[in-house]
C-alpha atoms as a PDB file:
ATOM      1  CA  UNK A   1    -127.217 -74.900 -88.565  1.00  0.00           C
ATOM      2  CA  UNK A   2    -124.938 -73.067 -85.497  1.00  0.00           C
ATOM      3  CA  UNK A   3    -124.403 -74.570 -82.584  1.00  0.00           C
ATOM      4  CA  UNK A   4    -128.252 -75.840 -81.004  1.00  0.00           C
ATOM      5  CA  UNK A   5    -127.165 -74.136 -77.301  1.00  0.00           C
ATOM      6  CA  UNK A   6    -125.992 -71.318 -78.619  1.00  0.00           C
ATOM      7  CA  UNK A   7    -128.929 -70.592 -80.738  1.00  0.00           C
ATOM      8  CA  UNK A   8    -131.228 -71.181 -77.780  1.00  0.00           C
ATOM      9  CA  UNK A   9    -129.174 -69.032 -75.151  1.00  0.00           C
ATOM     10  CA  UNK A  10    -128.732 -71.793 -72.909  1.00  0.00           C
ATOM     11  CA  UNK A  11    -125.735 -73.666 -71.501  1.00  0.00           C
ATOM     12  CA  UNK A  12    -124.961 -77.379 -72.223  1.00  0.00           C
ATOM     13  CA  UNK A  13    -126.029 -78.270 -69.113  1.00  0.00           C
ATOM     14  CA  UNK A  14    -129.417 -77.457 -69.664  1.00  0.00           C
ATOM     15  CA  UNK A  15    -132.230 -79.371 -68.204  1.00  0.00           C
ATOM     16  CA  UNK A  16    -135.670 -79.629 -70.418  1.00  0.00           C
ATOM     17  CA  UNK A  17    -137.594 -78.104 -68.463  1.00  0.00           C
ATOM     18  CA  UNK A  18    -135.011 -74.420 -69.214  1.00  0.00           C
ATOM     19  CA  UNK A  19    -134.917 -76.086 -73.287  1.00  0.00           C
ATOM     20  CA  UNK A  20    -138.337 -75.518 -73.287  1.00  0.00           C
ATOM     21  CA  UNK A  21    -138.757 -72.091 -71.499  1.00  0.00           C
ATOM     22  CA  UNK A  22    -135.815 -70.696 -73.566  1.00  0.00           C
ATOM     23  CA  UNK A  23    -137.854 -71.981 -76.822  1.00  0.00           C
ATOM     24  CA  UNK A  24    -140.849 -70.264 -75.861  1.00  0.00           C
ATOM     25  CA  UNK A  25    -139.480 -67.028 -75.080  1.00  0.00           C
ATOM     26  CA  UNK A  26    -137.669 -66.736 -78.320  1.00  0.00           C
ATOM     27  CA  UNK A  27    -140.774 -68.236 -80.657  1.00  0.00           C
ATOM     28  CA  UNK A  28    -142.988 -65.629 -78.936  1.00  0.00           C
ATOM     29  CA  UNK A  29    -140.508 -62.763 -79.915  1.00  0.00           C
ATOM     30  CA  UNK A  30    -139.929 -64.389 -83.420  1.00  0.00           C
ATOM     31  CA  UNK A  31    -143.089 -65.650 -84.681  1.00  0.00           C
ATOM     32  CA  UNK A  32    -143.621 -64.623 -88.242  1.00  0.00           C
ATOM     33  CA  UNK A  33    -147.189 -63.099 -87.093  1.00  0.00           C
ATOM     34  CA  UNK A  34    -145.461 -60.447 -84.588  1.00  0.00           C
ATOM     35  CA  UNK A  35    -142.503 -59.675 -87.658  1.00  0.00           C
ATOM     36  CA  UNK A  36    -144.165 -59.900 -90.912  1.00  0.00           C
ATOM     37  CA  UNK A  37    -142.094 -57.408 -92.265  1.00  0.00           C
ATOM     38  CA  UNK A  38    -138.877 -58.861 -90.786  1.00  0.00           C
ATOM     39  CA  UNK A  39    -137.959 -61.755 -93.301  1.00  0.00           C
ATOM     40  CA  UNK A  40    -134.734 -62.447 -91.317  1.00  0.00           C
ATOM     41  CA  UNK A  41    -137.483 -63.087 -87.811  1.00  0.00           C
ATOM     42  CA  UNK A  42    -139.027 -65.771 -90.062  1.00  0.00           C
ATOM     43  CA  UNK A  43    -135.398 -67.355 -90.585  1.00  0.00           C
ATOM     44  CA  UNK A  44    -134.528 -66.878 -86.927  1.00  0.00           C
ATOM     45  CA  UNK A  45    -137.627 -68.742 -85.947  1.00  0.00           C
ATOM     46  CA  UNK A  46    -137.002 -71.452 -88.027  1.00  0.00           C
ATOM     47  CA  UNK A  47    -133.405 -71.976 -86.461  1.00  0.00           C
ATOM     48  CA  UNK A  48    -134.720 -71.486 -83.083  1.00  0.00           C
ATOM     49  CA  UNK A  49    -137.585 -74.498 -83.935  1.00  0.00           C
ATOM     50  CA  UNK A  50    -134.920 -77.164 -85.220  1.00  0.00           C
ATOM     51  CA  UNK A  51    -132.155 -76.396 -82.221  1.00  0.00           C
ATOM     52  CA  UNK A  52    -135.367 -76.678 -79.983  1.00  0.00           C
ATOM     53  CA  UNK A  53    -136.716 -80.112 -81.650  1.00  0.00           C
ATOM     54  CA  UNK A  54    -133.129 -81.702 -81.351  1.00  0.00           C
ATOM     55  CA  UNK A  55    -132.454 -80.595 -77.854  1.00  0.00           C
ATOM     56  CA  UNK A  56    -136.043 -81.901 -76.854  1.00  0.00           C
ATOM     57  CA  UNK A  57    -135.371 -85.589 -78.292  1.00  0.00           C
ATOM     58  CA  UNK A  58    -132.974 -87.033 -75.549  1.00  0.00           C
ATOM     59  CA  UNK A  59    -131.364 -89.473 -78.031  1.00  0.00           C
ATOM     60  CA  UNK A  60    -130.655 -87.245 -80.460  1.00  0.00           C
ATOM     61  CA  UNK A  61    -129.316 -84.736 -77.563  1.00  0.00           C
ATOM     62  CA  UNK A  62    -126.996 -87.537 -76.384  1.00  0.00           C
ATOM     63  CA  UNK A  63    -125.449 -88.145 -79.813  1.00  0.00           C
ATOM     64  CA  UNK A  64    -124.836 -84.561 -80.534  1.00  0.00           C
ATOM     65  CA  UNK A  65    -123.361 -83.965 -77.106  1.00  0.00           C
ATOM     66  CA  UNK A  66    -121.025 -87.016 -77.799  1.00  0.00           C
ATOM     67  CA  UNK A  67    -120.346 -85.684 -81.321  1.00  0.00           C
ATOM     68  CA  UNK A  68    -121.949 -88.481 -83.504  1.00  0.00           C
ATOM     69  CA  UNK A  69    -124.644 -85.969 -85.119  1.00  0.00           C
ATOM     70  CA  UNK A  70    -123.754 -82.441 -86.266  1.00  0.00           C
ATOM     71  CA  UNK A  71    -126.633 -79.648 -85.262  1.00  0.00           C
ATOM     72  CA  UNK A  72    -128.386 -80.459 -88.129  1.00  0.00           C
ATOM     73  CA  UNK A  73    -128.843 -84.207 -87.066  1.00  0.00           C
ATOM     74  CA  UNK A  74    -126.672 -86.053 -89.965  1.00  0.00           C
ATOM     75  CA  UNK A  75    -123.834 -88.549 -88.818  1.00  0.00           C
ATOM     76  CA  UNK A  76    -120.844 -86.518 -88.106  1.00  0.00           C
ATOM     77  CA  UNK A  77    -117.516 -86.796 -90.098  1.00  0.00           C
ATOM     78  CA  UNK A  78    -115.847 -90.197 -89.081  1.00  0.00           C
ATOM     79  CA  UNK A  79    -112.608 -89.153 -90.243  1.00  0.00           C
ATOM     80  CA  UNK A  80    -112.842 -86.019 -88.048  1.00  0.00           C
ATOM     81  CA  UNK A  81    -109.619 -85.589 -85.596  1.00  0.00           C
ATOM     82  CA  UNK A  82    -107.414 -87.122 -87.815  1.00  0.00           C
ATOM     83  CA  UNK A  83    -105.595 -84.040 -88.112  1.00  0.00           C
ATOM     84  CA  UNK A  84    -101.751 -83.579 -89.391  1.00  0.00           C
ATOM     85  CA  UNK A  85    -102.921 -87.097 -92.196  1.00  0.00           C
ATOM     86  CA  UNK A  86     -99.926 -89.337 -92.317  1.00  0.00           C
ATOM     87  CA  UNK A  87     -97.004 -86.646 -92.084  1.00  0.00           C
ATOM     88  CA  UNK A  88     -98.121 -85.435 -88.516  1.00  0.00           C
ATOM     89  CA  UNK A  89     -97.902 -82.392 -89.217  1.00  0.00           C
ATOM     90  CA  UNK A  90    -100.560 -80.601 -87.219  1.00  0.00           C
ATOM     91  CA  UNK A  91    -102.963 -80.422 -90.448  1.00  0.00           C
ATOM     92  CA  UNK A  92    -100.634 -79.836 -93.198  1.00  0.00           C
ATOM     93  CA  UNK A  93    -100.595 -82.763 -94.778  1.00  0.00           C
ATOM     94  CA  UNK A  94     -97.364 -85.325 -95.747  1.00  0.00           C
ATOM     95  CA  UNK A  95     -94.456 -83.545 -97.411  1.00  0.00           C
ATOM     96  CA  UNK A  96     -91.452 -85.010 -98.752  1.00  0.00           C
ATOM     97  CA  UNK A  97     -89.278 -83.201 -96.411  1.00  0.00           C
ATOM     98  CA  UNK A  98     -91.125 -85.198 -93.879  1.00  0.00           C
ATOM     99  CA  UNK A  99     -88.692 -88.320 -94.384  1.00  0.00           C
ATOM    100  CA  UNK A 100     -85.391 -86.249 -93.176  1.00  0.00           C
ATOM    101  CA  UNK A 101     -83.793 -88.699 -91.082  1.00  0.00           C
ATOM    102  CA  UNK A 102     -84.746 -91.890 -93.244  1.00  0.00           C
ATOM    103  CA  UNK A 103     -82.495 -91.247 -95.988  1.00  0.00           C
ATOM    104  CA  UNK A 104     -84.341 -88.229 -97.541  1.00  0.00           C
ATOM    105  CA  UNK A 105     -87.318 -88.562-100.269  1.00  0.00           C
ATOM    106  CA  UNK A 106     -84.784 -89.954-102.883  1.00  0.00           C
ATOM    107  CA  UNK A 107     -83.191 -92.672-100.341  1.00  0.00           C
ATOM    108  CA  UNK A 108     -86.786 -94.229 -99.698  1.00  0.00           C
ATOM    109  CA  UNK A 109     -88.670 -96.786-101.465  1.00  0.00           C
ATOM    110  CA  UNK A 110     -92.242 -95.216-100.782  1.00  0.00           C
ATOM    111  CA  UNK A 111     -93.867 -98.872-101.830  1.00  0.00           C
ATOM    112  CA  UNK A 112     -92.031-100.154 -98.680  1.00  0.00           C
ATOM    113  CA  UNK A 113     -92.743 -97.608 -96.487  1.00  0.00           C
ATOM    114  CA  UNK A 114     -96.679 -97.803 -97.292  1.00  0.00           C
ATOM    115  CA  UNK A 115     -96.117-101.432 -97.125  1.00  0.00           C
ATOM    116  CA  UNK A 116     -95.069-101.041 -93.458  1.00  0.00           C
ATOM    117  CA  UNK A 117     -97.417 -98.586 -92.455  1.00  0.00           C
ATOM    118  CA  UNK A 118    -100.909-100.382 -93.548  1.00  0.00           C
ATOM    119  CA  UNK A 119     -99.640-103.774 -94.200  1.00  0.00           C
ATOM    120  CA  UNK A 120    -100.110-103.741 -97.753  1.00  0.00           C
ATOM    121  CA  UNK A 121     -98.362-105.973-100.546  1.00  0.00           C
ATOM    122  CA  UNK A 122     -98.461-109.361-101.758  1.00  0.00           C
ATOM    123  CA  UNK A 123     -97.039-111.033 -98.617  1.00  0.00           C
ATOM    124  CA  UNK A 124    -100.201-110.004 -96.134  1.00  0.00           C
ATOM    125  CA  UNK A 125    -103.965-111.007 -97.384  1.00  0.00           C
ATOM    126  CA  UNK A 126    -106.252-108.115 -98.139  1.00  0.00           C
ATOM    127  CA  UNK A 127    -108.340-108.682 -94.619  1.00  0.00           C
ATOM    128  CA  UNK A 128    -104.857-107.311 -92.649  1.00  0.00           C
ATOM    129  CA  UNK A 129    -105.178-103.462 -94.118  1.00  0.00           C
ATOM    130  CA  UNK A 130    -107.190-100.704 -92.202  1.00  0.00           C
ATOM    131  CA  UNK A 131    -108.722 -99.525 -95.665  1.00  0.00           C
ATOM    132  CA  UNK A 132    -110.638-102.411 -96.408  1.00  0.00           C
ATOM    133  CA  UNK A 133    -110.057-105.647 -98.729  1.00  0.00           C
ATOM    134  CA  UNK A 134    -107.564-103.969-101.267  1.00  0.00           C
ATOM    135  CA  UNK A 135    -104.811-103.701 -98.525  1.00  0.00           C
ATOM    136  CA  UNK A 136    -104.136 -99.977-100.208  1.00  0.00           C
ATOM    137  CA  UNK A 137    -105.140 -96.967-100.987  1.00  0.00           C
ATOM    138  CA  UNK A 138    -106.648 -97.389-104.318  1.00  0.00           C
ATOM    139  CA  UNK A 139    -109.056-100.269-102.662  1.00  0.00           C
ATOM    140  CA  UNK A 140    -109.503 -98.591 -99.408  1.00  0.00           C
ATOM    141  CA  UNK A 141    -111.429 -95.207-100.181  1.00  0.00           C
ATOM    142  CA  UNK A 142    -112.937 -97.148-103.424  1.00  0.00           C
ATOM    143  CA  UNK A 143    -114.143-100.212-102.011  1.00  0.00           C
ATOM    144  CA  UNK A 144    -116.831-101.130 -99.412  1.00  0.00           C
ATOM    145  CA  UNK A 145    -115.827 -99.009 -96.438  1.00  0.00           C
ATOM    146  CA  UNK A 146    -115.747 -95.851 -98.328  1.00  0.00           C
ATOM    147  CA  UNK A 147    -118.181 -93.501 -96.454  1.00  0.00           C
ATOM    148  CA  UNK A 148    -121.332 -92.781 -98.444  1.00  0.00           C
ATOM    149  CA  UNK A 149    -122.290 -88.992 -98.649  1.00  0.00           C
ATOM    150  CA  UNK A 150    -124.834 -87.635 -96.259  1.00  0.00           C
ATOM    151  CA  UNK A 151    -128.814 -87.699 -97.754  1.00  0.00           C
ATOM    152  CA  UNK A 152    -130.048 -84.768 -99.322  1.00  0.00           C
ATOM    153  CA  UNK A 153    -131.461 -82.421 -96.794  1.00  0.00           C
ATOM    154  CA  UNK A 154    -135.107 -81.847 -96.412  1.00  0.00           C
ATOM    155  CA  UNK A 155    -136.769 -78.315 -96.559  1.00  0.00           C
ATOM    156  CA  UNK A 156    -136.947 -76.103 -93.636  1.00  0.00           C
ATOM    157  CA  UNK A 157    -140.016 -76.611 -91.187  1.00  0.00           C
ATOM    158  CA  UNK A 158    -142.478 -73.800 -91.492  1.00  0.00           C
ATOM    159  CA  UNK A 159    -143.816 -72.922 -88.042  1.00  0.00           C
ATOM    160  CA  UNK A 160    -147.678 -71.724 -87.452  1.00  0.00           C
ATOM    161  CA  UNK A 161    -149.686 -70.519 -84.231  1.00  0.00           C
ATOM    162  CA  UNK A 162    -153.067 -71.907 -83.535  1.00  0.00           C
ATOM    163  CA  UNK A 163    -155.266 -69.893 -81.349  1.00  0.00           C
ATOM    164  CA  UNK A 164    -158.130 -71.584 -80.036  1.00  0.00           C
ATOM    165  CA  UNK A 165    -161.111 -70.905 -77.650  1.00  0.00           C
ATOM    166  CA  UNK A 166    -161.328 -72.564 -74.001  1.00  0.00           C
ATOM    167  CA  UNK A 167    -163.866 -74.504 -74.893  1.00  0.00           C
ATOM    168  CA  UNK A 168    -162.855 -75.947 -77.737  1.00  0.00           C
ATOM    169  CA  UNK A 169    -159.385 -77.051 -76.166  1.00  0.00           C
ATOM    170  CA  UNK A 170    -161.594 -78.848 -73.018  1.00  0.00           C
ATOM    171  CA  UNK A 171    -163.825 -80.215 -75.878  1.00  0.00           C
ATOM    172  CA  UNK A 172    -161.108 -80.980 -78.060  1.00  0.00           C
ATOM    173  CA  UNK A 173    -162.915 -79.611 -80.706  1.00  0.00           C
ATOM    174  CA  UNK A 174    -161.419 -79.904 -84.559  1.00  0.00           C
ATOM    175  CA  UNK A 175    -159.694 -77.421 -85.977  1.00  0.00           C
ATOM    176  CA  UNK A 176    -159.452 -75.611 -89.224  1.00  0.00           C
ATOM    177  CA  UNK A 177    -155.724 -73.814 -90.000  1.00  0.00           C
ATOM    178  CA  UNK A 178    -154.621 -72.907 -93.358  1.00  0.00           C
ATOM    179  CA  UNK A 179    -151.360 -73.687 -94.741  1.00  0.00           C
ATOM    180  CA  UNK A 180    -148.369 -71.571 -96.278  1.00  0.00           C
ATOM    181  CA  UNK A 181    -149.401 -73.165 -99.811  1.00  0.00           C
ATOM    182  CA  UNK A 182    -152.982 -71.670 -99.008  1.00  0.00           C
ATOM    183  CA  UNK A 183    -154.773 -75.437 -98.366  1.00  0.00           C
ATOM    184  CA  UNK A 184    -156.741 -75.768 -95.425  1.00  0.00           C
ATOM    185  CA  UNK A 185    -156.989 -78.820 -93.530  1.00  0.00           C
ATOM    186  CA  UNK A 186    -158.735 -80.112 -90.253  1.00  0.00           C
ATOM    187  CA  UNK A 187    -156.696 -81.137 -87.057  1.00  0.00           C
ATOM    188  CA  UNK A 188    -157.560 -83.227 -84.391  1.00  0.00           C
ATOM    189  CA  UNK A 189    -156.440 -81.944 -81.309  1.00  0.00           C
ATOM    190  CA  UNK A 190    -154.035 -84.332 -79.038  1.00  0.00           C
ATOM    191  CA  UNK A 191    -155.283 -85.902 -75.417  1.00  0.00           C
ATOM    192  CA  UNK A 192    -153.653 -83.291 -72.894  1.00  0.00           C
ATOM    193  CA  UNK A 193    -153.610 -80.168 -74.988  1.00  0.00           C
ATOM    194  CA  UNK A 194    -152.289 -77.401 -73.026  1.00  0.00           C
ATOM    195  CA  UNK A 195    -151.165 -73.910 -73.952  1.00  0.00           C
ATOM    196  CA  UNK A 196    -147.724 -74.223 -75.737  1.00  0.00           C
ATOM    197  CA  UNK A 197    -148.627 -77.675 -77.004  1.00  0.00           C
ATOM    198  CA  UNK A 198    -147.103 -78.574 -80.341  1.00  0.00           C
ATOM    199  CA  UNK A 199    -148.438 -80.714 -83.271  1.00  0.00           C
ATOM    200  CA  UNK A 200    -145.557 -81.789 -86.009  1.00  0.00           C
ATOM    201  CA  UNK A 201    -147.539 -82.007 -89.696  1.00  0.00           C
ATOM    202  CA  UNK A 202    -145.280 -84.308 -91.875  1.00  0.00           C
ATOM    203  CA  UNK A 203    -144.602 -82.961 -95.318  1.00  0.00           C
ATOM    204  CA  UNK A 204    -146.186 -79.751 -94.550  1.00  0.00           C
ATOM    205  CA  UNK A 205    -143.021 -77.667 -94.880  1.00  0.00           C
ATOM    206  CA  UNK A 206    -140.625 -76.046 -97.630  1.00  0.00           C
ATOM    207  CA  UNK A 207    -139.394 -78.248-100.363  1.00  0.00           C
ATOM    208  CA  UNK A 208    -135.737 -79.512-100.357  1.00  0.00           C
ATOM    209  CA  UNK A 209    -133.498 -81.612-102.328  1.00  0.00           C
ATOM    210  CA  UNK A 210    -134.133 -83.968-100.113  1.00  0.00           C
ATOM    211  CA  UNK A 211    -138.248 -83.641 -99.967  1.00  0.00           C
ATOM    212  CA  UNK A 212    -140.383 -81.365 -97.752  1.00  0.00           C
ATOM    213  CA  UNK A 213    -139.516 -80.206 -94.046  1.00  0.00           C
ATOM    214  CA  UNK A 214    -142.653 -80.433 -91.849  1.00  0.00           C
ATOM    215  CA  UNK A 215    -144.937 -77.931 -90.513  1.00  0.00           C
ATOM    216  CA  UNK A 216    -144.918 -77.166 -86.759  1.00  0.00           C
ATOM    217  CA  UNK A 217    -147.827 -75.827 -85.115  1.00  0.00           C
ATOM    218  CA  UNK A 218    -147.730 -74.312 -81.538  1.00  0.00           C
ATOM    219  CA  UNK A 219    -151.267 -74.130 -79.872  1.00  0.00           C
ATOM    220  CA  UNK A 220    -152.543 -71.016 -77.928  1.00  0.00           C
ATOM    221  CA  UNK A 221    -155.350 -71.031 -75.564  1.00  0.00           C
ATOM    222  CA  UNK A 222    -157.553 -68.663 -74.765  1.00  0.00           C
ATOM    223  CA  UNK A 223    -158.733 -67.484 -71.469  1.00  0.00           C
ATOM    224  CA  UNK A 224    -162.755 -67.843 -70.474  1.00  0.00           C
ATOM    225  CA  UNK A 225    -164.495 -64.857 -68.536  1.00  0.00           C
ATOM    226  CA  UNK A 226    -165.586 -67.637 -66.032  1.00  0.00           C
ATOM    227  CA  UNK A 227    -163.952 -70.713 -66.236  1.00  0.00           C
ATOM    228  CA  UNK A 228    -160.609 -71.821 -65.055  1.00  0.00           C
ATOM    229  CA  UNK A 229    -158.359 -74.330 -65.573  1.00  0.00           C
ATOM    230  CA  UNK A 230    -156.489 -76.439 -62.862  1.00  0.00           C
ATOM    231  CA  UNK A 231    -154.722 -79.008 -64.172  1.00  0.00           C
ATOM    232  CA  UNK A 232    -157.191 -81.190 -65.841  1.00  0.00           C
ATOM    233  CA  UNK A 233    -160.245 -79.941 -63.915  1.00  0.00           C
ATOM    234  CA  UNK A 234    -162.347 -76.787 -64.763  1.00  0.00           C
ATOM    235  CA  UNK A 235    -163.437 -74.628 -61.676  1.00  0.00           C
ATOM    236  CA  UNK A 236    -166.466 -72.412 -61.918  1.00  0.00           C
ATOM    237  CA  UNK A 237    -167.715 -70.391 -59.111  1.00  0.00           C
ATOM    238  CA  UNK A 238    -171.541 -70.284 -59.018  1.00  0.00           C
ATOM    239  CA  UNK A 239    -173.572 -67.467 -57.699  1.00  0.00           C
ATOM    240  CA  UNK A 240    -176.803 -68.566 -55.762  1.00  0.00           C
ATOM    241  CA  UNK A 241    -180.007 -66.801 -53.807  1.00  0.00           C
ATOM    242  CA  UNK A 242    -179.900 -67.353 -49.997  1.00  0.00           C
ATOM    243  CA  UNK A 243    -183.521 -69.284 -50.483  1.00  0.00           C
ATOM    244  CA  UNK A 244    -181.625 -71.814 -52.829  1.00  0.00           C
ATOM    245  CA  UNK A 245    -179.047 -72.006 -49.985  1.00  0.00           C
ATOM    246  CA  UNK A 246    -181.009 -72.165 -47.189  1.00  0.00           C
ATOM    247  CA  UNK A 247    -184.000 -74.572 -48.853  1.00  0.00           C
ATOM    248  CA  UNK A 248    -181.692 -76.388 -51.973  1.00  0.00           C
ATOM    249  CA  UNK A 249    -183.416 -77.204 -54.664  1.00  0.00           C
ATOM    250  CA  UNK A 250    -182.245 -77.647 -58.683  1.00  0.00           C
ATOM    251  CA  UNK A 251    -180.428 -74.872 -60.709  1.00  0.00           C
ATOM    252  CA  UNK A 252    -179.073 -74.739 -64.070  1.00  0.00           C
ATOM    253  CA  UNK A 253    -175.093 -74.893 -64.333  1.00  0.00           C
ATOM    254  CA  UNK A 254    -172.947 -73.873 -67.182  1.00  0.00           C
ATOM    255  CA  UNK A 255    -170.224 -76.268 -68.179  1.00  0.00           C
ATOM    256  CA  UNK A 256    -167.754 -76.359 -71.423  1.00  0.00           C
ATOM    257  CA  UNK A 257    -170.472 -79.171 -72.681  1.00  0.00           C
ATOM    258  CA  UNK A 258    -173.385 -76.907 -72.381  1.00  0.00           C
ATOM    259  CA  UNK A 259    -175.780 -76.136 -68.780  1.00  0.00           C
ATOM    260  CA  UNK A 260    -176.549 -79.157 -67.152  1.00  0.00           C
ATOM    261  CA  UNK A 261    -179.163 -79.252 -63.827  1.00  0.00           C
ATOM    262  CA  UNK A 262    -177.407 -79.559 -60.416  1.00  0.00           C
ATOM    263  CA  UNK A 263    -178.989 -80.421 -57.135  1.00  0.00           C
ATOM    264  CA  UNK A 264    -178.139 -77.831 -54.284  1.00  0.00           C
ATOM    265  CA  UNK A 265    -178.680 -79.466 -50.698  1.00  0.00           C
ATOM    266  CA  UNK A 266    -180.597 -77.389 -47.892  1.00  0.00           C
ATOM    267  CA  UNK A 267    -178.142 -75.419 -46.198  1.00  0.00           C
ATOM    268  CA  UNK A 268    -175.404 -75.705 -48.329  1.00  0.00           C
ATOM    269  CA  UNK A 269    -173.077 -72.244 -47.764  1.00  0.00           C
ATOM    270  CA  UNK A 270    -170.804 -70.242 -49.429  1.00  0.00           C
ATOM    271  CA  UNK A 271    -167.472 -71.862 -50.483  1.00  0.00           C
ATOM    272  CA  UNK A 272    -169.053 -75.606 -51.162  1.00  0.00           C
ATOM    273  CA  UNK A 273    -167.687 -77.214 -53.813  1.00  0.00           C
ATOM    274  CA  UNK A 274    -169.483 -79.911 -55.905  1.00  0.00           C
ATOM    275  CA  UNK A 275    -168.123 -81.869 -58.576  1.00  0.00           C
ATOM    276  CA  UNK A 276    -169.505 -82.553 -62.192  1.00  0.00           C
ATOM    277  CA  UNK A 277    -167.727 -85.595 -63.627  1.00  0.00           C
ATOM    278  CA  UNK A 278    -166.150 -85.820 -66.715  1.00  0.00           C
ATOM    279  CA  UNK A 279    -166.635 -82.263 -67.904  1.00  0.00           C
ATOM    280  CA  UNK A 280    -162.730 -81.321 -67.246  1.00  0.00           C
ATOM    281  CA  UNK A 281    -160.049 -81.265 -70.039  1.00  0.00           C
ATOM    282  CA  UNK A 282    -158.907 -84.250 -71.459  1.00  0.00           C
ATOM    283  CA  UNK A 283    -156.303 -86.404 -69.801  1.00  0.00           C
ATOM    284  CA  UNK A 284    -153.072 -88.106 -71.435  1.00  0.00           C
ATOM    285  CA  UNK A 285    -154.473 -91.046 -71.244  1.00  0.00           C
ATOM    286  CA  UNK A 286    -157.965 -89.884 -73.107  1.00  0.00           C
ATOM    287  CA  UNK A 287    -159.976 -89.750 -70.145  1.00  0.00           C
ATOM    288  CA  UNK A 288    -161.402 -86.252 -68.869  1.00  0.00           C
ATOM    289  CA  UNK A 289    -160.927 -84.143 -65.663  1.00  0.00           C
ATOM    290  CA  UNK A 290    -164.238 -82.731 -63.919  1.00  0.00           C
ATOM    291  CA  UNK A 291    -165.628 -79.497 -63.485  1.00  0.00           C
ATOM    292  CA  UNK A 292    -165.517 -78.230 -59.877  1.00  0.00           C
ATOM    293  CA  UNK A 293    -168.368 -75.681 -58.829  1.00  0.00           C
ATOM    294  CA  UNK A 294    -167.972 -73.511 -55.863  1.00  0.00           C
ATOM    295  CA  UNK A 295    -171.261 -72.170 -54.363  1.00  0.00           C
ATOM    296  CA  UNK A 296    -171.272 -68.337 -53.594  1.00  0.00           C
ATOM    297  CA  UNK A 297    -174.457 -67.057 -52.041  1.00  0.00           C
ATOM    298  CA  UNK A 298    -175.194 -63.794 -53.514  1.00  0.00           C
ATOM    299  CA  UNK A 299    -177.184 -61.469 -51.165  1.00  0.00           C
ATOM    300  CA  UNK A 300    -180.036 -58.893 -52.679  1.00  0.00           C
ATOM    301  CA  UNK A 301    -178.356 -55.171 -52.824  1.00  0.00           C
ATOM    302  CA  UNK A 302    -181.669 -54.034 -51.133  1.00  0.00           C
ATOM    303  CA  UNK A 303    -181.998 -56.102 -48.040  1.00  0.00           C
ATOM    304  CA  UNK A 304    -185.353 -54.703 -46.820  1.00  0.00           C
ATOM    305  CA  UNK A 305    -187.444 -57.160 -47.598  1.00  0.00           C
ATOM    306  CA  UNK A 306    -185.013 -59.406 -46.706  1.00  0.00           C
ATOM    307  CA  UNK A 307    -184.967 -58.138 -43.196  1.00  0.00           C
ATOM    308  CA  UNK A 308    -188.788 -58.344 -42.763  1.00  0.00           C
ATOM    309  CA  UNK A 309    -188.753 -61.946 -43.358  1.00  0.00           C
ATOM    310  CA  UNK A 310    -186.586 -62.331 -41.121  1.00  0.00           C
ATOM    311  CA  UNK A 311    -187.859 -60.281 -38.022  1.00  0.00           C
ATOM    312  CA  UNK A 312    -188.272 -61.878 -34.886  1.00  0.00           C
ATOM    313  CA  UNK A 313    -185.562 -64.893 -35.818  1.00  0.00           C
ATOM    314  CA  UNK A 314    -182.322 -64.218 -34.475  1.00  0.00           C
ATOM    315  CA  UNK A 315    -179.187 -66.810 -35.176  1.00  0.00           C
ATOM    316  CA  UNK A 316    -177.548 -68.001 -31.937  1.00  0.00           C
ATOM    317  CA  UNK A 317    -174.693 -69.521 -33.270  1.00  0.00           C
ATOM    318  CA  UNK A 318    -171.098 -68.229 -33.291  1.00  0.00           C
ATOM    319  CA  UNK A 319    -169.643 -69.275 -36.625  1.00  0.00           C
ATOM    320  CA  UNK A 320    -166.093 -68.326 -35.366  1.00  0.00           C
ATOM    321  CA  UNK A 321    -166.003 -70.317 -32.507  1.00  0.00           C
ATOM    322  CA  UNK A 322    -163.831 -72.994 -35.165  1.00  0.00           C
ATOM    323  CA  UNK A 323    -161.311 -70.011 -35.196  1.00  0.00           C
ATOM    324  CA  UNK A 324    -160.914 -69.942 -31.053  1.00  0.00           C
ATOM    325  CA  UNK A 325    -162.931 -66.489 -30.970  1.00  0.00           C
END
């Protein structure tokens, strides 16, 4: 995989918020559902997802920045940077002509030379060799210090997008999703779910030499005709009649869990907000927010009858006095 910063189009100094924003933008453009006839878009989508997985993990990002792992999360080459080899020739390796000035290739005892370089030979113990317990080339690279080859890579991750209703998100209702292999599973939504939340399905990606990759499910929450989300709370504007506002009473109120009865105090005015506990979205700790109900007095279009009822009565208050007028 290419450099993850380049893949997401961000600077190496990008913040977590900038990384997340860049991923969401690219994921929306490249999602397979929007590019059914473009297989390159799906491949690019997987690259973007893998880049985000690495950079969104603070530990892995720090390891990558220090050069300890590569863009695929594998350990970096421990011999990187040794450059020119033993000859110091800028990467060209050791050549006989490099011995000029030391008597030429024919006049030098290579055994003595390597013994001087690496401390080999019978006069020194094997432990003094920088290549392990054998004291020379033969045991160093073939012994216990030899770098093991990286494990086989797993298959690529598969990205899914799951659209759910506002009410299902608030109630954390189980969702059924069909995987790429045609199988269907039921997902339990996580606490604190919100638009853009991602869920990882272990082993539900493509098969590879090292096993299957994962499925990455990105959740999209639909809006609602009259409910609005405000953090962990749900807001609702509730129309009431003038009689209900003046006299009070019990009215039926819709919630994400179904309708409930709400008691309105006599003399309630427009803008009065009432709270229904535990009728909002789930929080990270599993508890739920509240539903905030704002009253709105709805006057009839034909106020003739209302005027007759108020005939002879006059409100002498000045409700604008608090504004200084």
